[in-house]
Amino acid sequence: MKRIIIVGAGGHGSVVADIAFAMRDAGAGIEVVGFVDDDPARHRAVVLGLPILGDITELKRVPHDAVIVAVGDNRRRETVTTTLLDSGERFAIAQHPSAVIGRGTTIEAGAMICAGAVVGPETSILRGAILNTSCSVDHHNRIDAFAHVGPGVHCGGAVTIGTGALLGVGATVAPGRTVGGWAVVGAGAVVIRDIPDRVVAIGTPARAIRPVS
């Protein structure tokens, strides 16, 4: 039985806890110990029946085997993950049992794949990436570290989503396109041309309107 602590007790923390419960119920052999969160206002609260144990320093005190960093903000998730890696923490994958994963796909520790996600074959999902509810990424995609593919997003085949990029709810990325690192694609946008690094892109077709602030 692998004991898991979820880092972050906000909205995405609840999503990850729900995934972990579904994994447990499906026989994945995990036990969810609780949350840690650096917001003092959340300490001693209970979320989905799980205690918030305190701040992140509690990881040194509470026995566990792995963590999942459930922080929705991509940059913050990267920072927290790097800190925990440097301290020797191990990371688990949060993968909802309803997700469909194609053959030959690789998923790095720390990734989160939500309910109803569909992943085509020979896709790579790197550390800290989020594939949110009911999104689909087709064959030979690459979802780089700390990227977030939002709910209902659809990516065609051979798409690359760069490190820390965010695809808003319902966005579409045409086959073979690249969304650059730390770029933001707005909700409902349609990407038919590559999106550069560190820009905000909106519309149909999506176009860059400004640098990421």
N, C-alpha and C. Protein backbone atom coordinates (compact mmCIF):
# COMPACT_ATOMS: atom_id res chain seq x y z
N MET A 1 0.85 -1.19 0.00
CA MET A 1 0.00 0.00 0.00
C MET A 1 0.89 1.24 0.00
N LYS A 2 0.78 2.06 -1.04
CA LYS A 2 1.58 3.28 -1.16
C LYS A 2 0.82 4.44 -0.52
N ARG A 3 1.48 5.11 0.43
CA ARG A 3 0.87 6.24 1.14
C ARG A 3 1.19 7.54 0.40
N ILE A 4 0.13 8.27 0.04
CA ILE A 4 0.26 9.47 -0.78
C ILE A 4 -0.16 10.70 0.03
N ILE A 5 0.62 11.76 -0.07
CA ILE A 5 0.22 13.07 0.45
C ILE A 5 0.07 14.02 -0.74
N ILE A 6 -1.02 14.76 -0.75
CA ILE A 6 -1.30 15.72 -1.82
C ILE A 6 -0.83 17.10 -1.37
N VAL A 7 0.01 17.72 -2.19
CA VAL A 7 0.55 19.04 -1.89
C VAL A 7 -0.32 20.08 -2.58
N GLY A 8 -1.09 20.81 -1.79
CA GLY A 8 -2.03 21.79 -2.32
C GLY A 8 -3.46 21.35 -2.07
N ALA A 9 -4.19 22.17 -1.32
CA ALA A 9 -5.56 21.80 -0.92
C ALA A 9 -6.60 22.74 -1.51
N GLY A 10 -6.26 23.40 -2.62
CA GLY A 10 -7.22 24.25 -3.30
C GLY A 10 -8.10 23.45 -4.24
N GLY A 11 -8.63 24.14 -5.26
CA GLY A 11 -9.54 23.48 -6.19
C GLY A 11 -8.91 22.30 -6.89
N HIS A 12 -7.68 22.47 -7.39
CA HIS A 12 -7.05 21.34 -8.08
C HIS A 12 -6.69 20.24 -7.11
N GLY A 13 -6.41 20.60 -5.87
CA GLY A 13 -6.17 19.57 -4.86
C GLY A 13 -7.37 18.66 -4.69
N SER A 14 -8.57 19.25 -4.70
CA SER A 14 -9.79 18.44 -4.60
C SER A 14 -9.91 17.50 -5.79
N VAL A 15 -9.57 18.00 -6.98
CA VAL A 15 -9.62 17.15 -8.18
C VAL A 15 -8.67 15.97 -8.04
N VAL A 16 -7.46 16.24 -7.59
CA VAL A 16 -6.47 15.17 -7.45
C VAL A 16 -6.88 14.19 -6.36
N ALA A 17 -7.44 14.70 -5.28
CA ALA A 17 -7.93 13.78 -4.24
C ALA A 17 -9.01 12.86 -4.79
N ASP A 18 -9.91 13.42 -5.60
CA ASP A 18 -10.96 12.61 -6.20
C ASP A 18 -10.36 11.53 -7.12
N ILE A 19 -9.34 11.91 -7.88
CA ILE A 19 -8.64 10.93 -8.71
C ILE A 19 -8.03 9.83 -7.85
N ALA A 20 -7.36 10.24 -6.77
CA ALA A 20 -6.71 9.26 -5.90
C ALA A 20 -7.71 8.31 -5.27
N PHE A 21 -8.87 8.82 -4.85
CA PHE A 21 -9.90 7.94 -4.30
C PHE A 21 -10.37 6.94 -5.36
N ALA A 22 -10.56 7.42 -6.60
CA ALA A 22 -10.99 6.52 -7.66
C ALA A 22 -9.93 5.46 -7.94
N MET A 23 -8.66 5.85 -7.91
CA MET A 23 -7.58 4.87 -8.08
C MET A 23 -7.60 3.83 -6.97
N ARG A 24 -7.77 4.29 -5.73
CA ARG A 24 -7.84 3.38 -4.58
C ARG A 24 -8.99 2.40 -4.75
N ASP A 25 -10.15 2.92 -5.12
CA ASP A 25 -11.33 2.07 -5.25
C ASP A 25 -11.19 1.07 -6.39
N ALA A 26 -10.34 1.42 -7.39
CA ALA A 26 -10.10 0.52 -8.51
C ALA A 26 -8.99 -0.50 -8.22
N GLY A 27 -8.46 -0.46 -7.00
CA GLY A 27 -7.47 -1.45 -6.61
C GLY A 27 -6.04 -1.07 -6.90
N ALA A 28 -5.75 0.25 -6.96
CA ALA A 28 -4.38 0.68 -7.30
C ALA A 28 -3.40 0.51 -6.15
N GLY A 29 -3.88 0.19 -4.96
CA GLY A 29 -2.98 -0.05 -3.84
C GLY A 29 -2.39 1.22 -3.27
N ILE A 30 -3.21 2.29 -3.18
CA ILE A 30 -2.74 3.52 -2.58
C ILE A 30 -3.64 3.91 -1.41
N GLU A 31 -3.06 4.64 -0.49
CA GLU A 31 -3.78 5.23 0.63
C GLU A 31 -3.50 6.73 0.62
N VAL A 32 -4.55 7.54 0.64
CA VAL A 32 -4.38 8.99 0.66
C VAL A 32 -4.32 9.45 2.12
N VAL A 33 -3.16 9.94 2.53
CA VAL A 33 -2.96 10.31 3.93
C VAL A 33 -3.62 11.64 4.24
N GLY A 34 -3.53 12.61 3.33
CA GLY A 34 -4.08 13.94 3.55
C GLY A 34 -3.37 14.95 2.67
N PHE A 35 -3.58 16.23 3.00
CA PHE A 35 -2.99 17.33 2.25
C PHE A 35 -1.95 18.04 3.10
N VAL A 36 -1.02 18.73 2.43
CA VAL A 36 -0.27 19.82 3.04
C VAL A 36 -0.50 21.06 2.18
N ASP A 37 -0.50 22.22 2.82
CA ASP A 37 -0.78 23.47 2.11
C ASP A 37 -0.15 24.61 2.89
N ASP A 38 0.51 25.54 2.18
CA ASP A 38 1.21 26.63 2.86
C ASP A 38 0.30 27.79 3.25
N ASP A 39 -0.99 27.70 2.99
CA ASP A 39 -1.94 28.73 3.40
C ASP A 39 -2.41 28.43 4.82
N PRO A 40 -2.00 29.23 5.82
CA PRO A 40 -2.40 28.93 7.20
C PRO A 40 -3.90 28.89 7.41
N ALA A 41 -4.66 29.62 6.59
CA ALA A 41 -6.12 29.64 6.76
C ALA A 41 -6.75 28.29 6.49
N ARG A 42 -6.03 27.43 5.77
CA ARG A 42 -6.57 26.12 5.46
C ARG A 42 -6.18 25.04 6.47
N HIS A 43 -5.25 25.35 7.33
CA HIS A 43 -4.76 24.32 8.25
C HIS A 43 -5.85 23.87 9.20
N ARG A 44 -5.83 22.58 9.47
CA ARG A 44 -6.78 21.90 10.35
C ARG A 44 -8.17 21.77 9.75
N ALA A 45 -8.33 22.19 8.49
CA ALA A 45 -9.59 21.97 7.79
C ALA A 45 -9.61 20.54 7.24
N VAL A 46 -10.77 20.16 6.70
CA VAL A 46 -10.94 18.84 6.09
C VAL A 46 -11.50 19.05 4.69
N VAL A 47 -10.91 18.40 3.70
CA VAL A 47 -11.35 18.49 2.31
C VAL A 47 -11.64 17.08 1.80
N LEU A 48 -12.87 16.84 1.39
CA LEU A 48 -13.29 15.52 0.91
C LEU A 48 -12.95 14.42 1.91
N GLY A 49 -13.08 14.76 3.18
CA GLY A 49 -12.81 13.79 4.23
C GLY A 49 -11.35 13.63 4.60
N LEU A 50 -10.47 14.41 3.95
CA LEU A 50 -9.03 14.29 4.22
C LEU A 50 -8.55 15.50 5.03
N PRO A 51 -7.69 15.27 6.02
CA PRO A 51 -7.20 16.39 6.81
C PRO A 51 -6.14 17.19 6.06
N ILE A 52 -6.13 18.51 6.33
CA ILE A 52 -4.99 19.33 5.91
C ILE A 52 -4.02 19.33 7.08
N LEU A 53 -2.88 18.71 6.89
CA LEU A 53 -1.98 18.36 7.98
C LEU A 53 -1.14 19.54 8.46
N GLY A 54 -1.08 20.59 7.68
CA GLY A 54 -0.23 21.74 7.98
C GLY A 54 0.47 22.19 6.72
N ASP A 55 1.59 22.91 6.90
CA ASP A 55 2.31 23.39 5.72
C ASP A 55 3.24 22.31 5.19
N ILE A 56 3.99 22.67 4.16
CA ILE A 56 4.78 21.67 3.44
C ILE A 56 5.87 21.06 4.31
N THR A 57 6.26 21.73 5.39
CA THR A 57 7.28 21.16 6.27
C THR A 57 6.79 19.90 6.98
N GLU A 58 5.46 19.71 7.02
CA GLU A 58 4.92 18.50 7.65
C GLU A 58 5.32 17.23 6.90
N LEU A 59 5.77 17.38 5.65
CA LEU A 59 6.22 16.19 4.91
C LEU A 59 7.39 15.51 5.61
N LYS A 60 8.15 16.25 6.39
CA LYS A 60 9.27 15.65 7.12
C LYS A 60 8.80 14.82 8.32
N ARG A 61 7.58 15.10 8.76
CA ARG A 61 7.07 14.46 9.98
C ARG A 61 6.10 13.32 9.71
N VAL A 62 5.28 13.47 8.68
CA VAL A 62 4.20 12.51 8.44
C VAL A 62 4.70 11.39 7.53
N PRO A 63 4.60 10.13 7.96
CA PRO A 63 5.08 9.03 7.10
C PRO A 63 4.30 8.96 5.79
N HIS A 64 5.03 8.81 4.69
CA HIS A 64 4.41 8.68 3.37
C HIS A 64 5.43 8.11 2.41
N ASP A 65 4.94 7.67 1.27
CA ASP A 65 5.82 7.08 0.26
C ASP A 65 6.01 7.96 -0.97
N ALA A 66 5.06 8.84 -1.24
CA ALA A 66 5.15 9.69 -2.43
C ALA A 66 4.20 10.86 -2.26
N VAL A 67 4.42 11.89 -3.10
CA VAL A 67 3.55 13.06 -3.10
C VAL A 67 3.03 13.31 -4.51
N ILE A 68 1.95 14.08 -4.59
CA ILE A 68 1.45 14.62 -5.84
C ILE A 68 1.29 16.12 -5.63
N VAL A 69 1.90 16.93 -6.48
CA VAL A 69 1.81 18.38 -6.34
C VAL A 69 0.58 18.85 -7.11
N ALA A 70 -0.49 19.15 -6.36
CA ALA A 70 -1.78 19.50 -6.94
C ALA A 70 -1.98 21.01 -6.88
N VAL A 71 -1.13 21.71 -7.62
CA VAL A 71 -1.17 23.17 -7.68
C VAL A 71 -1.50 23.56 -9.12
N GLY A 72 -2.60 24.29 -9.30
CA GLY A 72 -3.05 24.58 -10.65
C GLY A 72 -2.16 25.53 -11.42
N ASP A 73 -1.57 26.51 -10.74
CA ASP A 73 -0.69 27.47 -11.40
C ASP A 73 0.59 26.77 -11.87
N ASN A 74 0.88 26.85 -13.16
CA ASN A 74 1.98 26.08 -13.72
C ASN A 74 3.34 26.48 -13.14
N ARG A 75 3.57 27.77 -13.02
CA ARG A 75 4.87 28.23 -12.51
C ARG A 75 5.04 27.82 -11.05
N ARG A 76 4.00 27.98 -10.27
CA ARG A 76 4.09 27.59 -8.86
C ARG A 76 4.27 26.08 -8.74
N ARG A 77 3.59 25.31 -9.58
CA ARG A 77 3.73 23.85 -9.54
C ARG A 77 5.18 23.45 -9.85
N GLU A 78 5.80 24.12 -10.81
CA GLU A 78 7.20 23.85 -11.13
C GLU A 78 8.10 24.15 -9.93
N THR A 79 7.88 25.31 -9.30
CA THR A 79 8.73 25.70 -8.18
C THR A 79 8.61 24.73 -7.02
N VAL A 80 7.38 24.37 -6.67
CA VAL A 80 7.17 23.43 -5.56
C VAL A 80 7.76 22.08 -5.89
N THR A 81 7.56 21.61 -7.11
CA THR A 81 8.09 20.30 -7.50
C THR A 81 9.61 20.28 -7.43
N THR A 82 10.25 21.33 -7.92
CA THR A 82 11.71 21.40 -7.89
C THR A 82 12.23 21.37 -6.46
N THR A 83 11.57 22.12 -5.58
CA THR A 83 11.97 22.13 -4.18
C THR A 83 11.85 20.74 -3.55
N LEU A 84 10.75 20.06 -3.85
CA LEU A 84 10.54 18.73 -3.28
C LEU A 84 11.49 17.70 -3.87
N LEU A 85 11.80 17.83 -5.15
CA LEU A 85 12.80 16.93 -5.75
C LEU A 85 14.15 17.10 -5.06
N ASP A 86 14.52 18.35 -4.82
CA ASP A 86 15.81 18.62 -4.18
C ASP A 86 15.86 18.07 -2.76
N SER A 87 14.69 17.94 -2.12
CA SER A 87 14.65 17.42 -0.75
C SER A 87 14.52 15.90 -0.72
N GLY A 88 14.47 15.27 -1.91
CA GLY A 88 14.44 13.81 -1.97
C GLY A 88 13.07 13.18 -2.02
N GLU A 89 12.02 13.98 -2.20
CA GLU A 89 10.68 13.41 -2.27
C GLU A 89 10.50 12.57 -3.55
N ARG A 90 9.64 11.57 -3.42
CA ARG A 90 9.23 10.77 -4.58
C ARG A 90 7.84 11.21 -5.01
N PHE A 91 7.56 11.03 -6.29
CA PHE A 91 6.32 11.53 -6.86
C PHE A 91 5.49 10.38 -7.42
N ALA A 92 4.18 10.51 -7.26
CA ALA A 92 3.25 9.53 -7.82
C ALA A 92 2.56 10.13 -9.03
N ILE A 93 1.98 9.27 -9.85
CA ILE A 93 1.13 9.68 -10.96
C ILE A 93 -0.32 9.63 -10.49
N ALA A 94 -1.07 10.69 -10.77
CA ALA A 94 -2.52 10.69 -10.52
C ALA A 94 -3.20 10.43 -11.86
N GLN A 95 -3.76 9.25 -12.02
CA GLN A 95 -4.39 8.87 -13.30
C GLN A 95 -5.76 8.28 -13.01
N HIS A 96 -6.80 9.01 -13.39
CA HIS A 96 -8.15 8.53 -13.13
C HIS A 96 -8.41 7.24 -13.89
N PRO A 97 -9.08 6.25 -13.26
CA PRO A 97 -9.34 4.98 -13.95
C PRO A 97 -10.14 5.12 -15.23
N SER A 98 -10.90 6.21 -15.38
CA SER A 98 -11.70 6.38 -16.59
C SER A 98 -10.89 6.93 -17.77
N ALA A 99 -9.65 7.38 -17.52
CA ALA A 99 -8.82 7.87 -18.61
C ALA A 99 -8.45 6.72 -19.54
N VAL A 100 -8.36 7.03 -20.83
CA VAL A 100 -7.99 6.03 -21.84
C VAL A 100 -6.58 6.37 -22.32
N ILE A 101 -5.66 5.44 -22.14
CA ILE A 101 -4.25 5.68 -22.45
C ILE A 101 -3.81 4.74 -23.57
N GLY A 102 -3.34 5.30 -24.67
CA GLY A 102 -2.92 4.50 -25.81
C GLY A 102 -1.62 3.74 -25.56
N ARG A 103 -1.43 2.72 -26.34
CA ARG A 103 -0.22 1.90 -26.23
C ARG A 103 1.03 2.72 -26.55
N GLY A 104 2.09 2.41 -25.84
CA GLY A 104 3.36 3.07 -26.09
C GLY A 104 3.48 4.45 -25.49
N THR A 105 2.48 4.88 -24.75
CA THR A 105 2.52 6.19 -24.10
C THR A 105 3.35 6.12 -22.83
N THR A 106 4.14 7.16 -22.58
CA THR A 106 4.94 7.25 -21.36
C THR A 106 4.42 8.40 -20.52
N ILE A 107 4.31 8.15 -19.22
CA ILE A 107 3.81 9.14 -18.27
C ILE A 107 4.81 9.25 -17.14
N GLU A 108 5.38 10.44 -16.96
CA GLU A 108 6.38 10.61 -15.92
C GLU A 108 5.71 10.81 -14.56
N ALA A 109 6.45 10.45 -13.52
CA ALA A 109 5.97 10.65 -12.15
C ALA A 109 5.64 12.12 -11.93
N GLY A 110 4.53 12.36 -11.25
CA GLY A 110 4.10 13.72 -10.97
C GLY A 110 3.06 14.25 -11.94
N ALA A 111 2.80 13.53 -13.04
CA ALA A 111 1.76 13.95 -13.98
C ALA A 111 0.38 13.66 -13.42
N MET A 112 -0.61 14.40 -13.91
CA MET A 112 -1.99 14.24 -13.47
C MET A 112 -2.90 14.12 -14.68
N ILE A 113 -3.66 13.02 -14.74
CA ILE A 113 -4.55 12.76 -15.87
C ILE A 113 -5.95 12.58 -15.30
N CYS A 114 -6.84 13.49 -15.65
CA CYS A 114 -8.14 13.58 -15.00
C CYS A 114 -9.18 12.69 -15.66
N ALA A 115 -10.36 12.69 -15.07
CA ALA A 115 -11.44 11.83 -15.53
C ALA A 115 -11.79 12.12 -16.98
N GLY A 116 -11.96 11.05 -17.75
CA GLY A 116 -12.42 11.16 -19.12
C GLY A 116 -11.38 11.58 -20.13
N ALA A 117 -10.14 11.78 -19.72
CA ALA A 117 -9.09 12.15 -20.68
C ALA A 117 -8.80 10.98 -21.61
N VAL A 118 -8.48 11.30 -22.85
CA VAL A 118 -8.12 10.29 -23.84
C VAL A 118 -6.75 10.65 -24.40
N VAL A 119 -5.84 9.70 -24.34
CA VAL A 119 -4.46 9.91 -24.79
C VAL A 119 -4.14 8.89 -25.86
N GLY A 120 -3.75 9.37 -27.04
CA GLY A 120 -3.42 8.47 -28.14
C GLY A 120 -2.09 7.77 -27.95
N PRO A 121 -1.80 6.80 -28.81
CA PRO A 121 -0.57 6.01 -28.67
C PRO A 121 0.69 6.82 -28.91
N GLU A 122 1.77 6.32 -28.31
CA GLU A 122 3.12 6.88 -28.50
C GLU A 122 3.18 8.36 -28.11
N THR A 123 2.47 8.72 -27.07
CA THR A 123 2.49 10.09 -26.55
C THR A 123 3.38 10.13 -25.32
N SER A 124 4.00 11.30 -25.09
CA SER A 124 4.84 11.50 -23.91
C SER A 124 4.23 12.58 -23.04
N ILE A 125 4.02 12.26 -21.77
CA ILE A 125 3.46 13.20 -20.80
C ILE A 125 4.50 13.36 -19.70
N LEU A 126 5.07 14.55 -19.59
CA LEU A 126 6.20 14.75 -18.72
C LEU A 126 5.80 15.18 -17.32
N ARG A 127 6.78 15.26 -16.45
CA ARG A 127 6.58 15.53 -15.03
C ARG A 127 5.75 16.79 -14.81
N GLY A 128 4.77 16.68 -13.94
CA GLY A 128 3.99 17.83 -13.52
C GLY A 128 2.97 18.33 -14.52
N ALA A 129 2.83 17.64 -15.66
CA ALA A 129 1.81 18.04 -16.63
C ALA A 129 0.43 17.66 -16.13
N ILE A 130 -0.57 18.46 -16.53
CA ILE A 130 -1.97 18.19 -16.21
C ILE A 130 -2.73 17.99 -17.50
N LEU A 131 -3.41 16.86 -17.60
CA LEU A 131 -4.41 16.63 -18.66
C LEU A 131 -5.75 16.65 -17.97
N ASN A 132 -6.48 17.74 -18.17
CA ASN A 132 -7.68 17.96 -17.38
C ASN A 132 -8.89 17.22 -17.94
N THR A 133 -10.01 17.40 -17.28
CA THR A 133 -11.21 16.59 -17.51
C THR A 133 -11.64 16.59 -18.97
N SER A 134 -11.82 15.37 -19.50
CA SER A 134 -12.39 15.15 -20.84
C SER A 134 -11.60 15.80 -21.97
N CYS A 135 -10.31 16.04 -21.78
CA CYS A 135 -9.48 16.50 -22.89
C CYS A 135 -9.05 15.29 -23.72
N SER A 136 -8.56 15.57 -24.93
CA SER A 136 -8.00 14.49 -25.74
C SER A 136 -6.72 14.97 -26.41
N VAL A 137 -5.71 14.14 -26.36
CA VAL A 137 -4.47 14.39 -27.09
C VAL A 137 -4.22 13.15 -27.93
N ASP A 138 -4.04 13.36 -29.21
CA ASP A 138 -3.99 12.22 -30.13
C ASP A 138 -2.58 11.62 -30.17
N HIS A 139 -2.34 10.79 -31.16
CA HIS A 139 -1.10 10.02 -31.24
C HIS A 139 0.13 10.92 -31.36
N HIS A 140 1.23 10.45 -30.80
CA HIS A 140 2.54 11.08 -30.92
C HIS A 140 2.56 12.54 -30.46
N ASN A 141 1.75 12.86 -29.46
CA ASN A 141 1.84 14.17 -28.82
C ASN A 141 3.01 14.16 -27.84
N ARG A 142 3.47 15.38 -27.53
CA ARG A 142 4.43 15.58 -26.45
C ARG A 142 3.89 16.70 -25.57
N ILE A 143 3.58 16.35 -24.32
CA ILE A 143 3.08 17.32 -23.35
C ILE A 143 4.22 17.55 -22.36
N ASP A 144 4.88 18.69 -22.49
CA ASP A 144 6.09 18.92 -21.72
C ASP A 144 5.78 19.20 -20.25
N ALA A 145 6.84 19.24 -19.46
CA ALA A 145 6.72 19.37 -18.01
C ALA A 145 5.94 20.62 -17.63
N PHE A 146 5.03 20.46 -16.70
CA PHE A 146 4.25 21.54 -16.07
C PHE A 146 3.30 22.24 -17.03
N ALA A 147 3.07 21.66 -18.20
CA ALA A 147 2.02 22.17 -19.07
C ALA A 147 0.66 21.78 -18.50
N HIS A 148 -0.38 22.51 -18.93
CA HIS A 148 -1.74 22.24 -18.48
C HIS A 148 -2.66 22.25 -19.69
N VAL A 149 -3.18 21.09 -20.02
CA VAL A 149 -4.16 20.93 -21.10
C VAL A 149 -5.53 20.98 -20.44
N GLY A 150 -6.26 22.06 -20.67
CA GLY A 150 -7.47 22.33 -19.92
C GLY A 150 -8.63 21.40 -20.25
N PRO A 151 -9.72 21.51 -19.49
CA PRO A 151 -10.89 20.67 -19.73
C PRO A 151 -11.43 20.84 -21.16
N GLY A 152 -11.73 19.73 -21.79
CA GLY A 152 -12.35 19.76 -23.10
C GLY A 152 -11.45 20.19 -24.24
N VAL A 153 -10.16 20.30 -24.02
CA VAL A 153 -9.22 20.63 -25.08
C VAL A 153 -9.04 19.43 -26.00
N HIS A 154 -8.83 19.68 -27.29
CA HIS A 154 -8.56 18.62 -28.26
C HIS A 154 -7.29 18.95 -29.02
N CYS A 155 -6.33 18.03 -28.99
CA CYS A 155 -5.08 18.17 -29.73
C CYS A 155 -5.01 17.07 -30.78
N GLY A 156 -4.74 17.44 -32.04
CA GLY A 156 -4.56 16.45 -33.08
C GLY A 156 -3.26 15.69 -32.93
N GLY A 157 -2.94 14.87 -33.92
CA GLY A 157 -1.73 14.06 -33.85
C GLY A 157 -0.47 14.90 -33.97
N ALA A 158 0.61 14.41 -33.33
CA ALA A 158 1.95 15.00 -33.44
C ALA A 158 1.99 16.46 -33.00
N VAL A 159 1.24 16.78 -31.97
CA VAL A 159 1.24 18.11 -31.37
C VAL A 159 2.27 18.16 -30.25
N THR A 160 2.93 19.30 -30.11
CA THR A 160 3.84 19.54 -28.99
C THR A 160 3.32 20.70 -28.16
N ILE A 161 3.16 20.47 -26.88
CA ILE A 161 2.77 21.51 -25.93
C ILE A 161 3.98 21.78 -25.05
N GLY A 162 4.53 22.99 -25.14
CA GLY A 162 5.79 23.30 -24.49
C GLY A 162 5.70 23.37 -22.98
N THR A 163 6.87 23.41 -22.36
CA THR A 163 6.97 23.47 -20.91
C THR A 163 6.14 24.63 -20.36
N GLY A 164 5.28 24.33 -19.39
CA GLY A 164 4.54 25.34 -18.69
C GLY A 164 3.43 26.01 -19.47
N ALA A 165 3.16 25.55 -20.69
CA ALA A 165 2.10 26.16 -21.49
C ALA A 165 0.73 25.83 -20.90
N LEU A 166 -0.23 26.72 -21.16
CA LEU A 166 -1.60 26.54 -20.67
C LEU A 166 -2.56 26.62 -21.86
N LEU A 167 -3.36 25.58 -22.04
CA LEU A 167 -4.41 25.57 -23.05
C LEU A 167 -5.74 25.74 -22.33
N GLY A 168 -6.46 26.83 -22.61
CA GLY A 168 -7.71 27.12 -21.93
C GLY A 168 -8.82 26.17 -22.32
N VAL A 169 -9.90 26.22 -21.57
CA VAL A 169 -11.03 25.31 -21.73
C VAL A 169 -11.51 25.30 -23.19
N GLY A 170 -11.60 24.11 -23.75
CA GLY A 170 -12.18 23.93 -25.07
C GLY A 170 -11.32 24.37 -26.23
N ALA A 171 -10.06 24.68 -26.01
CA ALA A 171 -9.17 25.03 -27.13
C ALA A 171 -8.92 23.82 -28.01
N THR A 172 -8.54 24.09 -29.27
CA THR A 172 -8.23 23.03 -30.23
C THR A 172 -6.87 23.33 -30.85
N VAL A 173 -6.04 22.29 -30.98
CA VAL A 173 -4.74 22.43 -31.61
C VAL A 173 -4.68 21.48 -32.79
N ALA A 174 -4.46 22.03 -33.99
CA ALA A 174 -4.44 21.23 -35.21
C ALA A 174 -3.23 20.30 -35.24
N PRO A 175 -3.32 19.20 -36.00
CA PRO A 175 -2.21 18.25 -36.06
C PRO A 175 -0.89 18.90 -36.47
N GLY A 176 0.16 18.47 -35.80
CA GLY A 176 1.50 18.90 -36.14
C GLY A 176 1.90 20.26 -35.61
N ARG A 177 1.02 20.95 -34.90
CA ARG A 177 1.33 22.30 -34.41
C ARG A 177 2.06 22.23 -33.08
N THR A 178 2.75 23.33 -32.76
CA THR A 178 3.48 23.47 -31.50
C THR A 178 2.97 24.69 -30.76
N VAL A 179 2.73 24.53 -29.48
CA VAL A 179 2.44 25.66 -28.58
C VAL A 179 3.69 25.84 -27.72
N GLY A 180 4.28 27.04 -27.79
CA GLY A 180 5.56 27.27 -27.14
C GLY A 180 5.51 27.25 -25.63
N GLY A 181 6.70 27.17 -25.05
CA GLY A 181 6.81 27.13 -23.61
C GLY A 181 6.25 28.36 -22.94
N TRP A 182 5.48 28.15 -21.87
CA TRP A 182 4.89 29.19 -21.04
C TRP A 182 3.93 30.09 -21.82
N ALA A 183 3.49 29.63 -22.98
CA ALA A 183 2.44 30.34 -23.72
C ALA A 183 1.09 30.06 -23.09
N VAL A 184 0.13 30.95 -23.35
CA VAL A 184 -1.25 30.78 -22.88
C VAL A 184 -2.16 30.86 -24.10
N VAL A 185 -2.94 29.81 -24.31
CA VAL A 185 -3.92 29.77 -25.39
C VAL A 185 -5.30 29.92 -24.76
N GLY A 186 -6.06 30.91 -25.20
CA GLY A 186 -7.32 31.23 -24.57
C GLY A 186 -8.39 30.17 -24.78
N ALA A 187 -9.40 30.22 -23.95
CA ALA A 187 -10.52 29.28 -24.03
C ALA A 187 -11.16 29.36 -25.42
N GLY A 188 -11.38 28.19 -26.00
CA GLY A 188 -12.06 28.10 -27.28
C GLY A 188 -11.23 28.47 -28.48
N ALA A 189 -9.98 28.83 -28.30
CA ALA A 189 -9.13 29.21 -29.43
C ALA A 189 -8.83 27.99 -30.30
N VAL A 190 -8.53 28.26 -31.58
CA VAL A 190 -8.19 27.20 -32.53
C VAL A 190 -6.80 27.48 -33.08
N VAL A 191 -5.86 26.62 -32.74
CA VAL A 191 -4.46 26.80 -33.12
C VAL A 191 -4.21 26.08 -34.44
N ILE A 192 -3.98 26.84 -35.52
CA ILE A 192 -3.66 26.23 -36.81
C ILE A 192 -2.24 26.59 -37.26
N ARG A 193 -1.59 27.50 -36.52
CA ARG A 193 -0.20 27.85 -36.75
C ARG A 193 0.53 27.76 -35.43
N ASP A 194 1.85 27.50 -35.47
CA ASP A 194 2.62 27.39 -34.24
C ASP A 194 2.49 28.67 -33.41
N ILE A 195 2.44 28.49 -32.11
CA ILE A 195 2.37 29.61 -31.17
C ILE A 195 3.73 29.77 -30.51
N PRO A 196 4.33 30.97 -30.55
CA PRO A 196 5.67 31.15 -29.96
C PRO A 196 5.67 30.99 -28.45
N ASP A 197 6.86 30.94 -27.89
CA ASP A 197 7.02 30.93 -26.44
C ASP A 197 6.48 32.21 -25.82
N ARG A 198 5.91 32.09 -24.63
CA ARG A 198 5.62 33.21 -23.73
C ARG A 198 4.74 34.29 -24.35
N VAL A 199 3.71 33.86 -25.07
CA VAL A 199 2.72 34.82 -25.57
C VAL A 199 1.34 34.35 -25.17
N VAL A 200 0.39 35.30 -25.16
CA VAL A 200 -1.02 34.98 -25.00
C VAL A 200 -1.63 34.97 -26.40
N ALA A 201 -2.30 33.86 -26.75
CA ALA A 201 -2.91 33.72 -28.07
C ALA A 201 -4.39 33.44 -27.90
N ILE A 202 -5.22 34.14 -28.66
CA ILE A 202 -6.66 33.95 -28.58
C ILE A 202 -7.25 33.94 -29.98
N GLY A 203 -8.50 33.47 -30.08
CA GLY A 203 -9.24 33.61 -31.32
C GLY A 203 -9.25 32.40 -32.21
N THR A 204 -9.97 32.55 -33.33
CA THR A 204 -10.11 31.49 -34.32
C THR A 204 -9.84 32.09 -35.70
N PRO A 205 -8.66 31.87 -36.28
CA PRO A 205 -7.56 31.10 -35.71
C PRO A 205 -6.84 31.88 -34.61
N ALA A 206 -6.15 31.16 -33.75
CA ALA A 206 -5.45 31.79 -32.65
C ALA A 206 -4.30 32.65 -33.14
N ARG A 207 -4.16 33.82 -32.53
CA ARG A 207 -3.05 34.69 -32.86
C ARG A 207 -2.53 35.31 -31.56
N ALA A 208 -1.22 35.58 -31.54
CA ALA A 208 -0.61 36.18 -30.36
C ALA A 208 -1.02 37.64 -30.25
N ILE A 209 -1.47 38.03 -29.07
CA ILE A 209 -1.90 39.41 -28.86
C ILE A 209 -0.97 40.19 -27.93
N ARG A 210 -0.20 39.49 -27.11
CA ARG A 210 0.71 40.17 -26.20
C ARG A 210 1.63 39.14 -25.55
N PRO A 211 2.75 39.59 -24.98
CA PRO A 211 3.59 38.68 -24.20
C PRO A 211 2.87 38.25 -22.92
N VAL A 212 3.25 37.11 -22.41
CA VAL A 212 2.77 36.70 -21.09
C VAL A 212 3.36 37.64 -20.05
N SER A 213 2.53 38.16 -19.19
CA SER A 213 2.99 39.10 -18.17
C SER A 213 3.67 38.35 -17.03
